[in-house]
């Protein structure tokens, strides 16, 4: 086995692309990891592990806790349609 998962729509070798999206969201909001921790309950150390540490695929529930704390929501949109 090659050591990385190949998805139909996206292939990544190092870290899940949602990590980059979350990093951008936090930067856009201008908040620190400690502030995100206070809002979401997700430890600042966990965020550090996502962005600079060993975590490659964070759990969905943890991702969503951070996203909701920053006032974002998840949408599933059928291809070809924009909501």
Protein backbone atom coordinates (compact mmCIF):
# COMPACT_ATOMS: atom_id res chain seq x y z
CA UNK A 1 0.00 0.00 0.00
CA UNK A 2 1.27 3.47 -0.83
CA UNK A 3 0.78 5.10 2.57
CA UNK A 4 -1.82 7.68 1.59
CA UNK A 5 -5.51 7.63 0.84
CA UNK A 6 -6.71 8.57 -2.64
CA UNK A 7 -10.14 10.17 -2.70
CA UNK A 8 -12.24 10.49 -5.82
CA UNK A 9 -12.16 14.28 -5.76
CA UNK A 10 -8.94 15.14 -3.93
CA UNK A 11 -5.65 13.44 -3.18
CA UNK A 12 -3.45 14.52 -0.30
CA UNK A 13 -0.19 13.08 0.91
CA UNK A 14 0.51 15.05 4.05
CA UNK A 15 -2.53 16.61 5.73
CA UNK A 16 -6.23 16.77 5.08
CA UNK A 17 -7.08 19.98 3.17
CA UNK A 18 -9.67 20.89 5.81
CA UNK A 19 -6.71 21.80 8.04
CA UNK A 20 -5.70 24.56 5.62
CA UNK A 21 -9.28 25.80 5.45
CA UNK A 22 -9.53 25.98 9.25
CA UNK A 23 -6.18 27.77 9.48
CA UNK A 24 -7.49 30.38 7.04
CA UNK A 25 -10.76 30.75 8.96
CA UNK A 26 -8.92 31.36 12.23
CA UNK A 27 -6.57 33.87 10.57
CA UNK A 28 -9.49 35.68 8.90
CA UNK A 29 -11.26 35.99 12.26
CA UNK A 30 -8.07 37.33 13.88
CA UNK A 31 -8.36 35.10 16.93
CA UNK A 32 -5.71 33.16 18.81
CA UNK A 33 -5.76 29.43 19.45
CA UNK A 34 -6.54 30.19 23.10
CA UNK A 35 -9.59 32.24 22.06
CA UNK A 36 -10.75 29.42 19.80
CA UNK A 37 -10.30 27.02 22.72
CA UNK A 38 -12.50 29.21 24.91
CA UNK A 39 -15.24 29.39 22.30
CA UNK A 40 -15.15 25.80 21.06
CA UNK A 41 -13.81 23.66 23.87
CA UNK A 42 -11.13 22.30 21.51
CA UNK A 43 -7.76 22.60 23.22
CA UNK A 44 -5.24 25.07 21.80
CA UNK A 45 -2.71 22.20 21.76
CA UNK A 46 -5.05 20.28 19.43
CA UNK A 47 -5.12 23.24 17.05
CA UNK A 48 -1.34 23.46 17.17
CA UNK A 49 -1.15 19.74 16.35
CA UNK A 50 -3.43 20.27 13.35
CA UNK A 51 -1.48 23.19 11.91
CA UNK A 52 2.11 22.48 12.95
CA UNK A 53 2.13 19.06 14.53
CA UNK A 54 1.54 15.44 13.70
CA UNK A 55 -2.25 15.41 13.18
CA UNK A 56 -3.11 14.54 9.59
CA UNK A 57 -6.85 13.89 9.76
CA UNK A 58 -8.76 15.63 12.55
CA UNK A 59 -12.07 14.19 13.67
CA UNK A 60 -15.17 15.64 12.04
CA UNK A 61 -16.81 16.55 15.36
CA UNK A 62 -13.74 18.51 16.42
CA UNK A 63 -13.54 20.30 13.07
CA UNK A 64 -17.18 21.29 13.36
CA UNK A 65 -16.78 22.50 16.95
CA UNK A 66 -14.10 24.94 15.77
CA UNK A 67 -16.09 25.97 12.69
CA UNK A 68 -19.24 26.64 14.74
CA UNK A 69 -17.24 28.61 17.31
CA UNK A 70 -16.09 30.86 14.46
CA UNK A 71 -19.71 31.16 13.22
CA UNK A 72 -19.29 28.97 10.14
CA UNK A 73 -21.61 26.18 9.07
CA UNK A 74 -21.22 22.99 7.03
CA UNK A 75 -23.09 22.73 3.76
CA UNK A 76 -23.42 19.78 1.47
CA UNK A 77 -24.19 21.02 -2.02
CA UNK A 78 -24.99 18.80 -4.96
CA UNK A 79 -22.53 19.25 -7.82
CA UNK A 80 -23.63 21.89 -10.27
CA UNK A 81 -25.73 23.77 -7.71
CA UNK A 82 -24.62 26.66 -5.61
CA UNK A 83 -26.37 27.59 -2.39
